């Protein structure tokens, strides 16, 4: 018999303390792993569907998130106490997560990295934004 997709998630999120606002899915371009990105009161979390047996979610971003959208390996989010639009580089965030236990010698602090190389950047003039809409041109 076929199992409905939600059946496995009731076990994954049973007793989970997160207050979830939104979700998005993304496929990692190198590993082809499917990820569920979860926007919650506590931040943005990642659940790798190919590693459900580990029952662990990684926090990608620590601020309150109320909206998520993925387009071409870029995650757009409305995050913060006063929501503002952010752009996150998903492959770079995941490589940072996989190297988080390495030594931090000769590492440049995040705030000193030029904006074009930053993993997460704020979109200017979006402070206080409460809704976002995505449009595609043909």
N, C-alpha and C. Protein backbone atom coordinates (compact mmCIF):
# COMPACT_ATOMS: atom_id res chain seq x y z
N UNK A 1 0.83 -1.20 0.00
CA UNK A 1 0.00 0.00 0.00
C UNK A 1 0.87 1.25 0.00
N UNK A 2 0.36 2.28 -0.63
CA UNK A 2 1.08 3.55 -0.68
C UNK A 2 0.97 4.27 0.65
N UNK A 3 2.06 4.90 1.06
CA UNK A 3 2.09 5.66 2.30
C UNK A 3 2.03 7.14 1.94
N UNK A 4 1.17 7.89 2.59
CA UNK A 4 1.08 9.33 2.34
C UNK A 4 2.31 10.03 2.89
N UNK A 5 2.74 11.09 2.21
CA UNK A 5 3.96 11.81 2.57
C UNK A 5 3.93 12.34 4.00
N UNK A 6 2.80 12.77 4.48
CA UNK A 6 2.72 13.34 5.81
C UNK A 6 2.94 12.36 6.94
N UNK A 7 2.84 11.07 6.66
CA UNK A 7 2.97 10.06 7.71
C UNK A 7 4.35 10.09 8.36
N UNK A 8 5.40 10.23 7.54
CA UNK A 8 6.75 10.24 8.12
C UNK A 8 7.00 11.53 8.88
N UNK A 9 6.41 12.64 8.45
CA UNK A 9 6.66 13.91 9.12
C UNK A 9 5.98 14.00 10.47
N UNK A 10 4.91 13.27 10.69
CA UNK A 10 4.29 13.29 12.02
C UNK A 10 5.24 12.68 13.04
N UNK A 11 6.06 11.71 12.62
CA UNK A 11 7.05 11.13 13.53
C UNK A 11 8.25 12.06 13.70
N UNK A 12 8.66 12.72 12.63
CA UNK A 12 9.82 13.62 12.69
C UNK A 12 9.53 14.80 13.60
N UNK A 13 8.33 15.39 13.48
CA UNK A 13 8.01 16.60 14.23
C UNK A 13 7.25 16.33 15.53
N UNK A 14 7.09 15.07 15.91
CA UNK A 14 6.41 14.75 17.16
C UNK A 14 7.24 15.27 18.34
N UNK A 15 6.69 16.19 19.10
CA UNK A 15 7.40 16.76 20.24
C UNK A 15 8.40 17.84 19.86
N UNK A 16 8.40 18.29 18.62
CA UNK A 16 9.33 19.32 18.16
C UNK A 16 8.92 20.68 18.75
N UNK A 17 9.84 21.39 19.40
CA UNK A 17 9.47 22.66 20.05
C UNK A 17 9.40 23.86 19.11
N UNK A 18 9.70 23.67 17.82
CA UNK A 18 9.70 24.81 16.89
C UNK A 18 8.29 25.29 16.60
N UNK A 19 8.15 26.61 16.47
CA UNK A 19 6.88 27.21 16.02
C UNK A 19 7.06 27.55 14.55
N UNK A 20 6.59 26.66 13.68
CA UNK A 20 6.85 26.73 12.25
C UNK A 20 5.88 27.70 11.57
N UNK A 21 6.43 28.60 10.74
CA UNK A 21 5.64 29.56 9.97
C UNK A 21 5.53 29.18 8.50
N UNK A 22 6.61 28.63 7.91
CA UNK A 22 6.63 28.38 6.47
C UNK A 22 7.65 27.30 6.14
N UNK A 23 7.53 26.74 4.94
CA UNK A 23 8.47 25.73 4.47
C UNK A 23 8.76 25.94 2.99
N UNK A 24 9.87 25.37 2.55
CA UNK A 24 10.23 25.36 1.13
C UNK A 24 11.09 24.12 0.89
N UNK A 25 11.16 23.67 -0.34
CA UNK A 25 12.01 22.52 -0.65
C UNK A 25 13.11 22.96 -1.60
N UNK A 26 14.22 22.20 -1.58
CA UNK A 26 15.38 22.52 -2.39
C UNK A 26 16.17 21.25 -2.63
N UNK A 27 16.72 21.10 -3.83
CA UNK A 27 17.58 19.96 -4.16
C UNK A 27 19.00 20.48 -4.31
N UNK A 28 19.91 19.91 -3.51
CA UNK A 28 21.31 20.33 -3.52
C UNK A 28 21.90 19.98 -4.90
N UNK A 29 22.54 20.96 -5.58
CA UNK A 29 23.01 20.72 -6.95
C UNK A 29 24.13 19.68 -7.06
N UNK A 30 24.95 19.49 -6.02
CA UNK A 30 26.06 18.55 -6.10
C UNK A 30 25.68 17.16 -5.62
N UNK A 31 25.03 17.07 -4.47
CA UNK A 31 24.70 15.77 -3.89
C UNK A 31 23.36 15.23 -4.35
N UNK A 32 22.51 16.09 -4.94
CA UNK A 32 21.15 15.75 -5.36
C UNK A 32 20.27 15.33 -4.18
N UNK A 33 20.65 15.68 -2.96
CA UNK A 33 19.83 15.43 -1.77
C UNK A 33 18.68 16.43 -1.76
N UNK A 34 17.50 15.94 -1.36
CA UNK A 34 16.36 16.84 -1.25
C UNK A 34 16.28 17.35 0.18
N UNK A 35 16.13 18.66 0.32
CA UNK A 35 16.08 19.30 1.63
C UNK A 35 14.74 20.00 1.81
N UNK A 36 14.23 19.95 3.02
CA UNK A 36 13.07 20.75 3.41
C UNK A 36 13.61 21.88 4.27
N UNK A 37 13.35 23.11 3.87
CA UNK A 37 13.77 24.29 4.63
C UNK A 37 12.58 24.76 5.43
N UNK A 38 12.79 24.99 6.72
CA UNK A 38 11.70 25.31 7.63
C UNK A 38 11.94 26.68 8.23
N UNK A 39 11.00 27.59 8.03
CA UNK A 39 11.06 28.92 8.62
C UNK A 39 10.25 28.92 9.90
N UNK A 40 10.89 29.22 11.01
CA UNK A 40 10.24 29.14 12.31
C UNK A 40 10.52 30.39 13.12
N UNK A 41 9.87 30.48 14.26
CA UNK A 41 10.09 31.59 15.18
C UNK A 41 11.56 31.63 15.62
N UNK A 42 12.21 30.47 15.67
CA UNK A 42 13.57 30.35 16.15
C UNK A 42 14.63 30.46 15.05
N UNK A 43 14.23 30.53 13.78
CA UNK A 43 15.19 30.65 12.69
C UNK A 43 14.84 29.77 11.51
N UNK A 44 15.82 29.62 10.60
CA UNK A 44 15.66 28.76 9.43
C UNK A 44 16.38 27.45 9.70
N UNK A 45 15.66 26.35 9.52
CA UNK A 45 16.21 25.02 9.76
C UNK A 45 16.18 24.21 8.47
N UNK A 46 17.07 23.21 8.40
CA UNK A 46 17.19 22.36 7.23
C UNK A 46 17.01 20.90 7.65
N UNK A 47 16.17 20.19 6.90
CA UNK A 47 15.97 18.76 7.12
C UNK A 47 16.30 18.06 5.82
N UNK A 48 17.34 17.22 5.84
CA UNK A 48 17.74 16.46 4.65
C UNK A 48 16.88 15.21 4.57
N UNK A 49 16.06 15.09 3.52
CA UNK A 49 15.15 13.96 3.40
C UNK A 49 15.88 12.65 3.12
N UNK A 50 17.12 12.71 2.63
CA UNK A 50 17.90 11.49 2.41
C UNK A 50 18.55 11.00 3.69
N UNK A 51 18.48 11.79 4.76
CA UNK A 51 19.07 11.39 6.04
C UNK A 51 18.03 11.46 7.16
N UNK A 52 16.81 11.04 6.85
CA UNK A 52 15.74 11.08 7.87
C UNK A 52 16.05 10.18 9.05
N UNK A 53 16.86 9.14 8.84
CA UNK A 53 17.20 8.22 9.93
C UNK A 53 18.00 8.91 11.03
N UNK A 54 18.67 10.03 10.72
CA UNK A 54 19.44 10.76 11.73
C UNK A 54 18.56 11.61 12.64
N UNK A 55 17.36 11.91 12.22
CA UNK A 55 16.39 12.73 12.97
C UNK A 55 17.02 14.00 13.55
N UNK A 56 17.77 14.70 12.71
CA UNK A 56 18.39 15.95 13.16
C UNK A 56 18.13 17.03 12.13
N UNK A 57 17.87 18.25 12.63
CA UNK A 57 17.73 19.41 11.76
C UNK A 57 18.85 20.37 12.08
N UNK A 58 19.42 20.97 11.05
CA UNK A 58 20.49 21.95 11.22
C UNK A 58 19.92 23.35 11.11
N UNK A 59 20.38 24.24 11.99
CA UNK A 59 19.94 25.63 11.90
C UNK A 59 20.85 26.35 10.91
N UNK A 60 20.23 26.91 9.86
CA UNK A 60 20.99 27.65 8.85
C UNK A 60 21.10 29.12 9.18
N UNK A 61 20.08 29.66 9.85
CA UNK A 61 20.02 31.10 10.13
C UNK A 61 19.24 31.30 11.42
N UNK A 62 19.75 32.09 12.37
CA UNK A 62 19.16 32.14 13.71
C UNK A 62 18.05 33.16 13.96
N UNK A 63 17.50 33.80 12.93
CA UNK A 63 16.47 34.82 13.18
C UNK A 63 15.09 34.33 12.81
N UNK A 64 14.08 34.90 13.48
CA UNK A 64 12.67 34.59 13.22
C UNK A 64 12.40 34.73 11.72
N UNK A 65 11.73 33.74 11.14
CA UNK A 65 11.46 33.74 9.70
C UNK A 65 10.00 33.44 9.44
N UNK A 66 9.34 34.30 8.64
CA UNK A 66 7.90 34.14 8.39
C UNK A 66 7.58 33.79 6.94
N UNK A 67 8.56 33.85 6.03
CA UNK A 67 8.30 33.54 4.62
C UNK A 67 9.58 33.04 3.97
N UNK A 68 9.47 32.01 3.11
CA UNK A 68 10.61 31.45 2.40
C UNK A 68 10.26 31.23 0.93
N UNK A 69 11.26 31.38 0.06
CA UNK A 69 11.09 31.06 -1.35
C UNK A 69 12.46 30.70 -1.92
N UNK A 70 12.54 29.59 -2.65
CA UNK A 70 13.80 29.14 -3.24
C UNK A 70 13.74 29.31 -4.75
N UNK A 71 14.78 29.92 -5.31
CA UNK A 71 14.91 30.04 -6.75
C UNK A 71 16.39 29.92 -7.13
N UNK A 72 16.71 28.92 -7.93
CA UNK A 72 18.07 28.69 -8.43
C UNK A 72 19.13 28.71 -7.33
N UNK A 73 19.00 27.88 -6.33
CA UNK A 73 19.96 27.74 -5.23
C UNK A 73 20.11 28.99 -4.37
N UNK A 74 19.14 29.89 -4.45
CA UNK A 74 19.11 31.08 -3.60
C UNK A 74 17.82 31.05 -2.79
N UNK A 75 17.95 31.23 -1.49
CA UNK A 75 16.79 31.27 -0.61
C UNK A 75 16.48 32.72 -0.28
N UNK A 76 15.26 33.13 -0.54
CA UNK A 76 14.80 34.46 -0.15
C UNK A 76 13.94 34.27 1.10
N UNK A 77 14.12 35.13 2.10
CA UNK A 77 13.35 34.98 3.33
C UNK A 77 12.97 36.34 3.91
N UNK A 78 11.84 36.35 4.59
CA UNK A 78 11.46 37.50 5.41
C UNK A 78 11.84 37.12 6.83
N UNK A 79 12.87 37.76 7.36
CA UNK A 79 13.40 37.36 8.66
C UNK A 79 13.65 38.56 9.55
N UNK A 80 13.72 38.29 10.86
CA UNK A 80 14.03 39.30 11.86
C UNK A 80 12.82 39.69 12.68
N UNK A 81 13.09 40.41 13.80
CA UNK A 81 11.98 40.90 14.65
C UNK A 81 11.09 41.84 13.86
N UNK A 82 11.72 42.80 13.17
CA UNK A 82 11.01 43.63 12.20
C UNK A 82 11.36 43.02 10.85
N UNK A 83 10.44 42.28 10.23
CA UNK A 83 10.81 41.49 9.04
C UNK A 83 11.45 42.33 7.93
N UNK A 84 12.47 41.75 7.34
CA UNK A 84 13.18 42.36 6.23
C UNK A 84 13.55 41.24 5.27
N UNK A 85 13.64 41.54 3.99
CA UNK A 85 13.95 40.54 2.98
C UNK A 85 15.45 40.24 2.98
N UNK A 86 15.79 38.96 3.04
CA UNK A 86 17.18 38.51 3.02
C UNK A 86 17.39 37.56 1.86
N UNK A 87 18.64 37.52 1.38
CA UNK A 87 19.05 36.59 0.33
C UNK A 87 20.12 35.68 0.92
N UNK A 88 19.90 34.36 0.82
CA UNK A 88 20.83 33.38 1.38
C UNK A 88 21.37 32.50 0.25
N UNK A 89 22.68 32.28 0.22
CA UNK A 89 23.31 31.40 -0.76
C UNK A 89 23.28 29.98 -0.18
N UNK A 90 22.36 29.14 -0.66
CA UNK A 90 22.14 27.82 -0.07
C UNK A 90 23.34 26.87 -0.17
N UNK A 91 23.98 26.69 -1.33
CA UNK A 91 25.14 25.78 -1.37
C UNK A 91 26.26 26.22 -0.42
N UNK A 92 26.51 27.52 -0.33
CA UNK A 92 27.56 28.02 0.56
C UNK A 92 27.17 27.82 2.03
N UNK A 93 25.89 28.03 2.37
CA UNK A 93 25.44 27.80 3.75
C UNK A 93 25.59 26.33 4.12
N UNK A 94 25.31 25.43 3.19
CA UNK A 94 25.44 24.00 3.49
C UNK A 94 26.90 23.58 3.59
N UNK A 95 27.78 24.16 2.78
CA UNK A 95 29.20 23.82 2.91
C UNK A 95 29.74 24.36 4.23
N UNK A 96 29.22 25.50 4.68
CA UNK A 96 29.61 26.06 5.98
C UNK A 96 29.16 25.12 7.09
N UNK A 97 27.94 24.55 6.97
CA UNK A 97 27.43 23.62 7.98
C UNK A 97 28.30 22.36 8.03
N UNK A 98 28.76 21.86 6.88
CA UNK A 98 29.54 20.63 6.87
C UNK A 98 30.96 20.85 7.40
N UNK A 99 31.45 22.09 7.37
CA UNK A 99 32.79 22.40 7.87
C UNK A 99 32.76 23.09 9.22
N UNK A 100 31.66 23.05 9.93
CA UNK A 100 31.55 23.82 11.16
C UNK A 100 32.43 23.29 12.29
N UNK A 101 32.92 22.04 12.17
CA UNK A 101 33.76 21.48 13.22
C UNK A 101 35.25 21.65 12.92
N UNK A 102 35.58 22.27 11.80
CA UNK A 102 36.97 22.48 11.45
C UNK A 102 37.54 23.65 12.26
N UNK A 103 38.85 23.74 12.28
CA UNK A 103 39.51 24.83 13.02
C UNK A 103 39.27 26.15 12.31
N UNK A 104 39.11 27.21 13.07
CA UNK A 104 38.81 28.52 12.51
C UNK A 104 40.05 29.40 12.44
N UNK A 105 41.17 28.85 12.04
CA UNK A 105 42.39 29.64 11.93
C UNK A 105 42.36 30.44 10.63
N UNK A 106 42.84 31.65 10.67
CA UNK A 106 42.90 32.54 9.51
C UNK A 106 41.53 32.76 8.87
N UNK A 107 40.50 32.76 9.65
CA UNK A 107 39.14 32.95 9.15
C UNK A 107 38.77 34.42 9.28
N UNK A 108 38.22 34.99 8.21
CA UNK A 108 37.80 36.40 8.22
C UNK A 108 36.43 36.48 8.87
N UNK A 109 36.23 37.39 9.84
CA UNK A 109 34.91 37.54 10.46
C UNK A 109 33.84 37.87 9.42
N UNK A 110 32.62 37.34 9.62
CA UNK A 110 31.52 37.47 8.66
C UNK A 110 31.22 38.93 8.31
N UNK A 111 31.29 39.84 9.29
CA UNK A 111 30.92 41.23 9.01
C UNK A 111 31.99 41.97 8.20
N UNK A 112 33.19 41.42 8.08
CA UNK A 112 34.25 42.05 7.29
C UNK A 112 34.32 41.54 5.86
N UNK A 113 33.55 40.49 5.55
CA UNK A 113 33.54 39.93 4.20
C UNK A 113 32.77 40.89 3.28
N UNK A 114 33.29 41.20 2.08
CA UNK A 114 32.55 42.07 1.16
C UNK A 114 31.16 41.51 0.86
N UNK A 115 30.21 42.39 0.65
CA UNK A 115 28.80 42.00 0.50
C UNK A 115 28.59 40.97 -0.61
N UNK A 116 29.31 41.10 -1.72
CA UNK A 116 29.07 40.16 -2.82
C UNK A 116 29.55 38.75 -2.50
N UNK A 117 30.40 38.57 -1.47
CA UNK A 117 30.86 37.25 -1.07
C UNK A 117 30.15 36.73 0.18
N UNK A 118 29.28 37.52 0.77
CA UNK A 118 28.59 37.12 2.00
C UNK A 118 27.58 36.01 1.71
N UNK A 119 27.39 35.11 2.68
CA UNK A 119 26.44 34.01 2.52
C UNK A 119 25.01 34.50 2.63
N UNK A 120 24.79 35.50 3.49
CA UNK A 120 23.46 36.07 3.69
C UNK A 120 23.57 37.58 3.58
N UNK A 121 22.70 38.18 2.77
CA UNK A 121 22.70 39.63 2.63
C UNK A 121 21.28 40.16 2.74
N UNK A 122 21.16 41.35 3.30
CA UNK A 122 19.87 42.03 3.38
C UNK A 122 19.57 42.72 2.07
N UNK A 123 18.31 42.67 1.66
CA UNK A 123 17.90 43.41 0.48
C UNK A 123 17.56 44.83 0.95
N UNK A 124 18.17 45.86 0.35
CA UNK A 124 17.93 47.23 0.82
C UNK A 124 16.47 47.66 0.69
N UNK A 125 16.07 48.57 1.56
CA UNK A 125 14.74 49.20 1.54
C UNK A 125 13.59 48.21 1.68
N UNK A 126 13.78 47.16 2.48
CA UNK A 126 12.68 46.20 2.70
C UNK A 126 12.33 46.06 4.17
N UNK A 127 12.85 46.93 5.02
CA UNK A 127 12.57 46.83 6.45
C UNK A 127 11.09 47.07 6.73
N UNK A 128 10.50 46.21 7.55
CA UNK A 128 9.09 46.32 7.89
C UNK A 128 8.18 45.64 6.88
N UNK A 129 8.74 44.96 5.91
CA UNK A 129 7.96 44.26 4.89
C UNK A 129 7.19 43.11 5.55
N UNK A 130 5.91 42.98 5.25
CA UNK A 130 5.10 41.92 5.86
C UNK A 130 4.68 40.85 4.86
N UNK A 131 4.73 41.15 3.57
CA UNK A 131 4.35 40.17 2.55
C UNK A 131 5.29 40.27 1.36
N UNK A 132 5.48 39.14 0.71
CA UNK A 132 6.27 39.11 -0.51
C UNK A 132 5.50 38.36 -1.58
N UNK A 133 5.78 38.69 -2.82
CA UNK A 133 5.14 38.04 -3.95
C UNK A 133 6.21 37.78 -5.00
N UNK A 134 6.18 36.60 -5.60
CA UNK A 134 7.16 36.25 -6.60
C UNK A 134 6.47 36.19 -7.95
N UNK A 135 7.03 36.88 -8.92
CA UNK A 135 6.49 36.87 -10.28
C UNK A 135 7.54 36.36 -11.24
N UNK A 136 7.11 35.61 -12.23
CA UNK A 136 8.04 35.09 -13.24
C UNK A 136 7.68 35.66 -14.59
N UNK A 137 8.68 36.12 -15.30
CA UNK A 137 8.47 36.61 -16.66
C UNK A 137 8.65 35.44 -17.63
N UNK A 138 7.79 35.35 -18.64
CA UNK A 138 7.92 34.21 -19.59
C UNK A 138 9.16 34.28 -20.45
